[in-house]
C-alpha atoms as a PDB file:
ATOM      1  CA  MET A   1      -0.159   0.003   0.075  1.00  0.00           C
ATOM      2  CA  LYS A   2       1.307   3.695  -0.893  1.00  0.00           C
ATOM      3  CA  VAL A   3       0.020   6.221   1.559  1.00  0.00           C
ATOM      4  CA  LEU A   4       0.754  10.367   0.269  1.00  0.00           C
ATOM      5  CA  ILE A   5       0.421  12.363   3.775  1.00  0.00           C
ATOM      6  CA  VAL A   6      -0.284  15.924   2.810  1.00  0.00           C
ATOM      7  CA  GLY A   7       0.729  18.822   5.135  1.00  0.00           C
ATOM      8  CA  GLY A   8       3.797  16.524   5.793  1.00  0.00           C
ATOM      9  CA  THR A   9       5.538  19.033   8.029  1.00  0.00           C
ATOM     10  CA  SER A  10       2.480  18.734  10.463  1.00  0.00           C
ATOM     11  CA  ALA A  11       3.044  17.890  14.186  1.00  0.00           C
ATOM     12  CA  LEU A  12       0.183  15.093  13.349  1.00  0.00           C
ATOM     13  CA  ALA A  13       2.021  13.860  10.279  1.00  0.00           C
ATOM     14  CA  GLN A  14       5.228  13.304  11.816  1.00  0.00           C
ATOM     15  CA  ILE A  15       3.391  10.627  14.561  1.00  0.00           C
ATOM     16  CA  LEU A  16       1.022   9.515  11.432  1.00  0.00           C
ATOM     17  CA  LYS A  17       3.864   8.614   9.194  1.00  0.00           C
ATOM     18  CA  GLN A  18       5.591   6.579  12.090  1.00  0.00           C
ATOM     19  CA  THR A  19       2.414   5.010  12.510  1.00  0.00           C
ATOM     20  CA  LEU A  20       1.800   4.194   8.936  1.00  0.00           C
ATOM     21  CA  SER A  21       4.949   2.700   8.045  1.00  0.00           C
ATOM     22  CA  PRO A  22       5.021  -0.971   9.336  1.00  0.00           C
ATOM     23  CA  PHE A  23       2.252  -1.293   6.918  1.00  0.00           C
ATOM     24  CA  ALA A  24       2.409   1.154   3.949  1.00  0.00           C
ATOM     25  CA  GLU A  25       5.307   2.984   2.001  1.00  0.00           C
ATOM     26  CA  VAL A  26       4.616   6.659   2.833  1.00  0.00           C
ATOM     27  CA  SER A  27       5.522   9.700   1.433  1.00  0.00           C
ATOM     28  CA  THR A  28       4.656  13.246   2.266  1.00  0.00           C
ATOM     29  CA  ALA A  29       3.897  16.329   0.175  1.00  0.00           C
ATOM     30  CA  GLY A  30       3.936  20.184   1.578  1.00  0.00           C
ATOM     31  CA  ARG A  31       5.276  23.131   0.509  1.00  0.00           C
ATOM     32  CA  SER A  32       8.541  22.129   2.085  1.00  0.00           C
ATOM     33  CA  ASN A  33      10.922  19.947   3.342  1.00  0.00           C
ATOM     34  CA  CYS A  34       8.455  16.769   1.781  1.00  0.00           C
ATOM     35  CA  ASP A  35       8.849  14.119  -0.793  1.00  0.00           C
ATOM     36  CA  ILE A  36       6.709  16.294  -2.824  1.00  0.00           C
ATOM     37  CA  THR A  37       6.251  19.482  -3.284  1.00  0.00           C
ATOM     38  CA  LEU A  38       2.768  20.574  -3.235  1.00  0.00           C
ATOM     39  CA  ASP A  39       0.877  23.884  -1.753  1.00  0.00           C
ATOM     40  CA  ILE A  40      -2.923  23.342  -1.870  1.00  0.00           C
ATOM     41  CA  GLY A  41      -3.174  27.177  -1.272  1.00  0.00           C
ATOM     42  CA  THR A  42      -2.052  27.587  -5.197  1.00  0.00           C
ATOM     43  CA  PRO A  43      -4.226  27.975  -7.956  1.00  0.00           C
ATOM     44  CA  ALA A  44      -6.100  24.557  -8.960  1.00  0.00           C
ATOM     45  CA  ASP A  45      -4.178  24.398 -12.271  1.00  0.00           C
ATOM     46  CA  ARG A  46      -0.718  24.004 -10.207  1.00  0.00           C
ATOM     47  CA  ILE A  47      -2.082  20.724  -7.949  1.00  0.00           C
ATOM     48  CA  GLU A  48      -1.104  17.558  -9.240  1.00  0.00           C
ATOM     49  CA  LEU A  49      -0.302  14.273  -7.719  1.00  0.00           C
ATOM     50  CA  PRO A  50       1.510  11.607  -9.252  1.00  0.00           C
ATOM     51  CA  HIS A  51      -0.657   8.326 -10.131  1.00  0.00           C
ATOM     52  CA  GLY A  52       0.207   4.986  -7.874  1.00  0.00           C
ATOM     53  CA  PHE A  53      -1.064   6.367  -4.559  1.00  0.00           C
ATOM     54  CA  ASP A  54      -3.646   4.151  -2.686  1.00  0.00           C
ATOM     55  CA  VAL A  55      -4.740   6.830  -0.211  1.00  0.00           C
ATOM     56  CA  VAL A  56      -4.242  10.231   0.689  1.00  0.00           C
ATOM     57  CA  VAL A  57      -4.688  11.634   4.146  1.00  0.00           C
ATOM     58  CA  ASN A  58      -4.801  15.380   4.220  1.00  0.00           C
ATOM     59  CA  ALA A  59      -2.916  16.518   7.545  1.00  0.00           C
ATOM     60  CA  ALA A  60      -2.709  20.383   6.233  1.00  0.00           C
ATOM     61  CA  ALA A  61      -5.010  22.973   7.942  1.00  0.00           C
ATOM     62  CA  SER A  62      -4.927  26.959   8.721  1.00  0.00           C
ATOM     63  CA  PHE A  63      -5.609  27.979  11.904  1.00  0.00           C
ATOM     64  CA  GLY A  64      -5.695  31.732  11.677  1.00  0.00           C
ATOM     65  CA  VAL A  65      -8.794  33.331  13.157  1.00  0.00           C
ATOM     66  CA  LYS A  66      -8.085  36.642  13.899  1.00  0.00           C
ATOM     67  CA  THR A  67      -7.150  39.351  11.004  1.00  0.00           C
ATOM     68  CA  PHE A  68      -8.581  39.569   7.198  1.00  0.00           C
ATOM     69  CA  GLU A  69      -5.601  37.970   6.211  1.00  0.00           C
ATOM     70  CA  ASP A  70      -5.835  35.041   8.820  1.00  0.00           C
ATOM     71  CA  MET A  71      -9.517  34.376   7.720  1.00  0.00           C
ATOM     72  CA  LEU A  72      -8.755  34.630   3.917  1.00  0.00           C
ATOM     73  CA  ARG A  73      -5.677  32.017   4.431  1.00  0.00           C
ATOM     74  CA  THR A  74      -8.013  29.695   6.643  1.00  0.00           C
ATOM     75  CA  GLU A  75     -10.775  29.723   3.838  1.00  0.00           C
ATOM     76  CA  CYS A  76      -8.141  29.064   1.063  1.00  0.00           C
ATOM     77  CA  VAL A  77      -6.423  26.219   2.539  1.00  0.00           C
ATOM     78  CA  ASN A  78      -9.057  24.215   4.798  1.00  0.00           C
ATOM     79  CA  VAL A  79     -11.922  24.718   2.174  1.00  0.00           C
ATOM     80  CA  LEU A  80     -10.638  25.703  -1.183  1.00  0.00           C
ATOM     81  CA  GLY A  81      -7.671  23.743  -0.908  1.00  0.00           C
ATOM     82  CA  VAL A  82      -9.532  20.824   0.272  1.00  0.00           C
ATOM     83  CA  LEU A  83     -11.870  20.704  -3.122  1.00  0.00           C
ATOM     84  CA  LYS A  84      -8.537  21.052  -5.470  1.00  0.00           C
ATOM     85  CA  LEU A  85      -6.972  18.293  -3.611  1.00  0.00           C
ATOM     86  CA  CYS A  86      -9.972  16.013  -3.802  1.00  0.00           C
ATOM     87  CA  GLU A  87      -9.790  16.872  -7.912  1.00  0.00           C
ATOM     88  CA  ALA A  88      -6.279  16.192  -7.836  1.00  0.00           C
ATOM     89  CA  CYS A  89      -6.641  12.692  -5.956  1.00  0.00           C
ATOM     90  CA  ALA A  90      -9.617  12.251  -8.540  1.00  0.00           C
ATOM     91  CA  LYS A  91      -7.363  12.678 -11.484  1.00  0.00           C
ATOM     92  CA  ALA A  92      -4.816  10.529  -9.864  1.00  0.00           C
ATOM     93  CA  GLU A  93      -6.916   7.401  -9.519  1.00  0.00           C
ATOM     94  CA  VAL A  94      -6.623   7.402  -5.692  1.00  0.00           C
ATOM     95  CA  LYS A  95      -8.661   4.447  -4.089  1.00  0.00           C
ATOM     96  CA  GLN A  96      -9.220   6.641  -0.555  1.00  0.00           C
ATOM     97  CA  LEU A  97      -9.098  10.311   0.623  1.00  0.00           C
ATOM     98  CA  VAL A  98      -8.799  10.185   4.541  1.00  0.00           C
ATOM     99  CA  LEU A  99      -9.187  14.292   5.663  1.00  0.00           C
ATOM    100  CA  VAL A 100      -8.215  15.550   9.155  1.00  0.00           C
ATOM    101  CA  SER A 101     -10.796  17.671   9.941  1.00  0.00           C
ATOM    102  CA  SER A 102     -11.744  18.574  13.619  1.00  0.00           C
ATOM    103  CA  ILE A 103     -14.527  18.072  16.643  1.00  0.00           C
ATOM    104  CA  PHE A 104     -15.119  21.696  16.083  1.00  0.00           C
ATOM    105  CA  ALA A 105     -16.907  21.279  12.734  1.00  0.00           C
ATOM    106  CA  GLY A 106     -19.724  20.238  14.812  1.00  0.00           C
ATOM    107  CA  LEU A 107     -19.805  23.825  16.671  1.00  0.00           C
ATOM    108  CA  GLU A 108     -23.087  26.030  16.724  1.00  0.00           C
ATOM    109  CA  PRO A 109     -22.366  29.828  15.721  1.00  0.00           C
ATOM    110  CA  THR A 110     -24.154  30.447  18.993  1.00  0.00           C
ATOM    111  CA  SER A 111     -20.968  29.050  20.788  1.00  0.00           C
ATOM    112  CA  ARG A 112     -18.068  31.096  22.475  1.00  0.00           C
ATOM    113  CA  PHE A 113     -15.694  28.832  20.753  1.00  0.00           C
ATOM    114  CA  TYR A 114     -17.042  29.169  16.935  1.00  0.00           C
ATOM    115  CA  ASN A 115     -14.714  30.891  14.734  1.00  0.00           C
ATOM    116  CA  ILE A 116     -13.589  30.843  11.350  1.00  0.00           C
ATOM    117  CA  TYR A 117     -11.721  27.611  12.001  1.00  0.00           C
ATOM    118  CA  ALA A 118     -14.656  25.905  12.879  1.00  0.00           C
ATOM    119  CA  GLU A 119     -16.686  27.182  10.196  1.00  0.00           C
ATOM    120  CA  SER A 120     -13.864  26.314   7.483  1.00  0.00           C
ATOM    121  CA  LYS A 121     -13.973  22.629   9.170  1.00  0.00           C
ATOM    122  CA  ARG A 122     -17.461  22.137   8.835  1.00  0.00           C
ATOM    123  CA  HIS A 123     -17.504  23.590   5.064  1.00  0.00           C
ATOM    124  CA  SER A 124     -14.364  21.743   4.119  1.00  0.00           C
ATOM    125  CA  ASP A 125     -16.369  18.400   5.284  1.00  0.00           C
ATOM    126  CA  GLU A 126     -19.438  19.316   3.470  1.00  0.00           C
ATOM    127  CA  ILE A 127     -17.552  20.152   0.056  1.00  0.00           C
ATOM    128  CA  ALA A 128     -15.280  17.273   0.371  1.00  0.00           C
ATOM    129  CA  ARG A 129     -18.320  15.046   0.719  1.00  0.00           C
ATOM    130  CA  MET A 130     -20.135  16.773  -2.270  1.00  0.00           C
ATOM    131  CA  TYR A 131     -17.577  16.595  -4.766  1.00  0.00           C
ATOM    132  CA  CYS A 132     -16.557  12.989  -3.806  1.00  0.00           C
ATOM    133  CA  GLU A 133     -20.017  11.376  -3.998  1.00  0.00           C
ATOM    134  CA  SER A 134     -20.073  12.888  -7.543  1.00  0.00           C
ATOM    135  CA  ALA A 135     -16.543  11.790  -8.334  1.00  0.00           C
ATOM    136  CA  GLY A 136     -16.973   8.180  -6.826  1.00  0.00           C
ATOM    137  CA  LEU A 137     -13.698   8.979  -4.587  1.00  0.00           C
ATOM    138  CA  PRO A 138     -14.141   6.918  -1.569  1.00  0.00           C
ATOM    139  CA  LEU A 139     -13.820   9.437   1.366  1.00  0.00           C
ATOM    140  CA  THR A 140     -13.305   9.307   5.138  1.00  0.00           C
ATOM    141  CA  ILE A 141     -13.561  12.148   7.463  1.00  0.00           C
ATOM    142  CA  VAL A 142     -11.645  12.008  10.973  1.00  0.00           C
ATOM    143  CA  ARG A 143     -12.856  14.601  13.217  1.00  0.00           C
ATOM    144  CA  PRO A 144     -10.377  14.862  16.413  1.00  0.00           C
ATOM    145  CA  SER A 145     -10.946  16.765  19.266  1.00  0.00           C
ATOM    146  CA  GLN A 146      -7.846  19.045  20.973  1.00  0.00           C
ATOM    147  CA  PHE A 147      -5.015  16.832  20.516  1.00  0.00           C
ATOM    148  CA  TYR A 148      -1.696  16.946  22.012  1.00  0.00           C
ATOM    149  CA  GLY A 149       1.858  15.178  22.110  1.00  0.00           C
ATOM    150  CA  THR A 150       5.100  15.166  23.119  1.00  0.00           C
ATOM    151  CA  GLY A 151       8.156  17.650  22.251  1.00  0.00           C
ATOM    152  CA  ALA A 152       7.944  21.001  20.924  1.00  0.00           C
ATOM    153  CA  ALA A 153       6.617  20.330  18.011  1.00  0.00           C
ATOM    154  CA  GLN A 154       3.465  19.190  19.390  1.00  0.00           C
ATOM    155  CA  ARG A 155       3.041  21.962  21.274  1.00  0.00           C
ATOM    156  CA  LYS A 156       2.353  24.592  18.726  1.00  0.00           C
ATOM    157  CA  HIS A 157      -1.821  24.506  18.791  1.00  0.00           C
ATOM    158  CA  GLN A 158      -2.026  24.081  22.070  1.00  0.00           C
ATOM    159  CA  PRO A 159      -0.732  27.043  24.398  1.00  0.00           C
ATOM    160  CA  PHE A 160      -2.679  26.239  27.429  1.00  0.00           C
ATOM    161  CA  LEU A 161      -1.476  22.612  27.947  1.00  0.00           C
ATOM    162  CA  THR A 162       2.396  24.346  27.379  1.00  0.00           C
ATOM    163  CA  THR A 163       1.782  26.882  29.731  1.00  0.00           C
ATOM    164  CA  LEU A 164       0.564  24.489  32.324  1.00  0.00           C
ATOM    165  CA  ILE A 165       2.818  21.846  32.024  1.00  0.00           C
ATOM    166  CA  ASP A 166       5.697  24.701  31.853  1.00  0.00           C
ATOM    167  CA  LYS A 167       4.632  25.515  34.916  1.00  0.00           C
ATOM    168  CA  ALA A 168       4.475  22.361  36.557  1.00  0.00           C
ATOM    169  CA  ALA A 169       8.134  21.165  35.151  1.00  0.00           C
ATOM    170  CA  ARG A 170       9.191  24.803  37.035  1.00  0.00           C
ATOM    171  CA  ASN A 171       7.343  24.164  40.208  1.00  0.00           C
ATOM    172  CA  GLU A 172       5.449  27.428  39.869  1.00  0.00           C
ATOM    173  CA  GLU A 173       2.073  27.936  40.770  1.00  0.00           C
ATOM    174  CA  ILE A 174      -0.802  27.395  38.482  1.00  0.00           C
ATOM    175  CA  VAL A 175      -3.597  29.684  38.014  1.00  0.00           C
ATOM    176  CA  PHE A 176      -6.826  29.462  36.565  1.00  0.00           C
ATOM    177  CA  TYR A 177      -9.099  32.214  35.873  1.00  0.00           C
ATOM    178  CA  GLY A 178     -12.428  32.305  37.404  1.00  0.00           C
ATOM    179  CA  SER A 179     -13.915  29.857  39.749  1.00  0.00           C
ATOM    180  CA  ASN A 180     -15.164  27.132  36.611  1.00  0.00           C
ATOM    181  CA  ASP A 181     -12.938  24.000  36.732  1.00  0.00           C
ATOM    182  CA  ALA A 182     -13.313  24.098  33.443  1.00  0.00           C
ATOM    183  CA  LYS A 183     -13.522  21.137  31.228  1.00  0.00           C
ATOM    184  CA  ARG A 184     -11.961  20.177  27.990  1.00  0.00           C
ATOM    185  CA  ASN A 185     -11.874  16.782  25.754  1.00  0.00           C
ATOM    186  CA  PHE A 186      -7.736  16.220  24.942  1.00  0.00           C
ATOM    187  CA  ILE A 187      -6.884  13.212  22.877  1.00  0.00           C
ATOM    188  CA  HIS A 188      -3.394  12.109  22.152  1.00  0.00           C
ATOM    189  CA  VAL A 189      -1.448  12.689  18.959  1.00  0.00           C
ATOM    190  CA  GLU A 190      -0.612   8.824  19.168  1.00  0.00           C
ATOM    191  CA  ASP A 191      -3.917   7.691  19.463  1.00  0.00           C
ATOM    192  CA  VAL A 192      -5.182  10.278  16.699  1.00  0.00           C
ATOM    193  CA  ALA A 193      -2.579   8.460  14.094  1.00  0.00           C
ATOM    194  CA  HIS A 194      -3.365   4.839  15.606  1.00  0.00           C
ATOM    195  CA  ALA A 195      -7.309   5.816  14.584  1.00  0.00           C
ATOM    196  CA  ILE A 196      -6.355   6.971  11.139  1.00  0.00           C
ATOM    197  CA  ALA A 197      -4.124   4.013  10.345  1.00  0.00           C
ATOM    198  CA  LEU A 198      -6.976   1.691  10.822  1.00  0.00           C
ATOM    199  CA  LEU A 199      -9.311   3.063   9.057  1.00  0.00           C
ATOM    200  CA  VAL A 200      -7.002   3.120   6.010  1.00  0.00           C
ATOM    201  CA  GLN A 201      -5.746  -0.453   7.148  1.00  0.00           C
ATOM    202  CA  ARG A 202      -9.647  -1.240   6.362  1.00  0.00           C
ATOM    203  CA  LYS A 203     -10.624   0.906   3.967  1.00  0.00           C
ATOM    204  CA  ILE A 204     -13.555   2.496   5.758  1.00  0.00           C
ATOM    205  CA  GLN A 205     -15.460   5.463   4.628  1.00  0.00           C
ATOM    206  CA  GLY A 206     -17.648   7.954   6.501  1.00  0.00           C
ATOM    207  CA  THR A 207     -17.360  10.747   8.968  1.00  0.00           C
ATOM    208  CA  PHE A 208     -15.936   9.861  12.434  1.00  0.00           C
ATOM    209  CA  ALA A 209     -15.248  11.919  15.592  1.00  0.00           C
ATOM    210  CA  CYS A 210     -12.250  10.690  17.216  1.00  0.00           C
ATOM    211  CA  MET A 211     -11.961  12.202  20.814  1.00  0.00           C
ATOM    212  CA  SER A 212     -11.070  11.237  24.551  1.00  0.00           C
ATOM    213  CA  THR A 213     -13.528   8.736  25.910  1.00  0.00           C
ATOM    214  CA  SER A 214     -13.915  11.125  29.029  1.00  0.00           C
ATOM    215  CA  ASN A 215     -13.686  15.234  29.514  1.00  0.00           C
ATOM    216  CA  VAL A 216     -11.441  16.254  31.895  1.00  0.00           C
ATOM    217  CA  SER A 217     -10.906  19.494  33.947  1.00  0.00           C
ATOM    218  CA  TYR A 218      -8.480  21.867  34.298  1.00  0.00           C
ATOM    219  CA  THR A 219      -7.440  20.571  37.605  1.00  0.00           C
ATOM    220  CA  GLU A 220      -7.472  17.331  36.535  1.00  0.00           C
ATOM    221  CA  VAL A 221      -4.904  17.965  34.243  1.00  0.00           C
ATOM    222  CA  ALA A 222      -2.743  20.380  36.429  1.00  0.00           C
ATOM    223  CA  LEU A 223      -2.575  17.346  38.703  1.00  0.00           C
ATOM    224  CA  ALA A 224      -1.656  14.972  35.984  1.00  0.00           C
ATOM    225  CA  ALA A 225       1.469  17.268  35.367  1.00  0.00           C
ATOM    226  CA  ILE A 226       2.319  18.061  38.675  1.00  0.00           C
ATOM    227  CA  ALA A 227       2.493  13.958  39.350  1.00  0.00           C
ATOM    228  CA  ALA A 228       4.421  13.668  36.199  1.00  0.00           C
ATOM    229  CA  PHE A 229       7.151  15.839  37.087  1.00  0.00           C
ATOM    230  CA  GLY A 230       7.073  15.206  40.551  1.00  0.00           C
ATOM    231  CA  SER A 231       6.311  18.904  40.820  1.00  0.00           C
ATOM    232  CA  SER A 232       5.657  21.166  43.951  1.00  0.00           C
ATOM    233  CA  SER A 233       3.321  23.110  42.203  1.00  0.00           C
ATOM    234  CA  THR A 234       0.113  24.269  43.431  1.00  0.00           C
ATOM    235  CA  ILE A 235      -3.168  25.225  42.055  1.00  0.00           C
ATOM    236  CA  ARG A 236      -5.348  28.430  42.730  1.00  0.00           C
ATOM    237  CA  PHE A 237      -8.349  29.905  40.921  1.00  0.00           C
ATOM    238  CA  ASP A 238      -8.307  33.770  40.646  1.00  0.00           C
ATOM    239  CA  LYS A 239     -12.009  34.218  41.225  1.00  0.00           C
ATOM    240  CA  ASP A 240     -11.712  38.020  40.564  1.00  0.00           C
ATOM    241  CA  LYS A 241     -11.453  37.190  36.708  1.00  0.00           C
ATOM    242  CA  PRO A 242     -14.324  35.904  34.776  1.00  0.00           C
ATOM    243  CA  ASP A 243     -14.794  32.230  34.368  1.00  0.00           C
ATOM    244  CA  ILE A 244     -13.438  30.318  31.553  1.00  0.00           C
ATOM    245  CA  PRO A 245     -16.475  28.163  30.053  1.00  0.00           C
ATOM    246  CA  ASP A 246     -16.390  24.184  29.138  1.00  0.00           C
ATOM    247  CA  ASN A 247     -15.845  23.520  25.672  1.00  0.00           C
ATOM    248  CA  ILE A 248     -16.581  19.701  25.672  1.00  0.00           C
ATOM    249  CA  PHE A 249     -18.700  17.826  23.298  1.00  0.00           C
ATOM    250  CA  PRO A 250     -21.042  14.679  24.084  1.00  0.00           C
ATOM    251  CA  ILE A 251     -18.614  11.351  23.989  1.00  0.00           C
ATOM    252  CA  ASP A 252     -19.092   9.662  20.730  1.00  0.00           C
ATOM    253  CA  GLU A 253     -17.273   5.950  20.726  1.00  0.00           C
ATOM    254  CA  THR A 254     -18.538   5.122  17.009  1.00  0.00           C
ATOM    255  CA  LEU A 255     -15.466   4.887  15.441  1.00  0.00           C
ATOM    256  CA  TYR A 256     -13.947   2.851  18.423  1.00  0.00           C
ATOM    257  CA  ARG A 257     -16.515   0.527  18.254  1.00  0.00           C
ATOM    258  CA  LEU A 258     -16.506   0.065  14.402  1.00  0.00           C
ATOM    259  CA  LEU A 259     -12.665  -0.271  15.028  1.00  0.00           C
ATOM    260  CA  ASN A 260     -12.672  -2.720  18.120  1.00  0.00           C
ATOM    261  CA  TRP A 261      -9.991  -0.238  19.760  1.00  0.00           C
ATOM    262  CA  TYR A 262     -10.251   2.410  21.977  1.00  0.00           C
ATOM    263  CA  PRO A 263      -7.680   5.498  22.785  1.00  0.00           C
ATOM    264  CA  ALA A 264      -5.046   3.987  24.923  1.00  0.00           C
ATOM    265  CA  VAL A 265      -3.091   7.134  26.124  1.00  0.00           C
ATOM    266  CA  GLN A 266      -5.013   9.002  28.972  1.00  0.00           C
ATOM    267  CA  ILE A 267      -4.019  12.791  30.426  1.00  0.00           C
ATOM    268  CA  ALA A 268      -2.029  11.192  32.846  1.00  0.00           C
ATOM    269  CA  ASP A 269      -0.313   9.012  30.528  1.00  0.00           C
ATOM    270  CA  GLY A 270       0.316  12.046  28.229  1.00  0.00           C
ATOM    271  CA  MET A 271       1.900  13.852  30.761  1.00  0.00           C
ATOM    272  CA  ARG A 272       4.377  11.309  31.800  1.00  0.00           C
ATOM    273  CA  LYS A 273       5.345  10.774  28.251  1.00  0.00           C
ATOM    274  CA  GLU A 274       6.064  14.586  28.305  1.00  0.00           C
ATOM    275  CA  ALA A 275       7.841  14.413  31.599  1.00  0.00           C
ATOM    276  CA  ALA A 276       9.936  11.353  30.236  1.00  0.00           C
ATOM    277  CA  PHE A 277      10.774  13.229  27.318  1.00  0.00           C
ATOM    278  CA  ARG A 278      12.141  16.414  28.657  1.00  0.00           C
ATOM    279  CA  LYS A 279      14.158  14.709  31.315  1.00  0.00           C
ATOM    280  CA  GLY A 280      15.730  12.799  28.539  1.00  0.00           C
ATOM    281  CA  ALA A 281      16.201  15.891  26.553  1.00  0.00           C
ATOM    282  CA  ALA A 282      17.863  17.342  29.488  1.00  0.00           C
END
């Protein structure tokens, strides 16, 4: 089996390549430092894939949410880029396209966390389904919750976890705003990669949430980090600040029941992995 990972320098792609390699010949595509030079943000007539790939996994994404330029880039990459990639896959006779979407694609506009990234992922999923159905291109959409991993490359899009872990590692006080012990759903990148690998192996099509089987509070995450680092950090809530709201979704285990597999890395395991990595790198 030959697999091409688009967005080949992304944090997920690095782990996914390792996970796919035992049973597939894996190549990467991206703007730089990849086997194939490819930018899905460029005009459609410049996007071409070589024939011979059984599966293409799109791990490319734009996360900008603030400025006009951010919003434009996010739409160009996450929506139009995906449409152009669908067309390129169809022309190259790819047998399965796997899109890495986001659980945020299910957010309603009334959510405090709804933004251009969430909307672009929703639109991306819809337009990919529309195109692939008409072109007869088998499509799998994976919607991970907030994923995190080990090492500096995995911290880019998780500033909250990065700050919390840094404070625990330095034995500093960990302060949360407000009095609400806010909840999140974090899934380890290794579990996301493993789920995608199983979907690829079994040629499963459809749209699936890929999330931890339990939501965790900020306090639970902090305590896990403190324990992992053997830290003397304490936890305090600054009740003079506004509460931080929960951002969780109903637990959906459909994917795991289908795969007969469940995520293996719980938050305490993830913190221990990061602590061991930092100690080894010291």
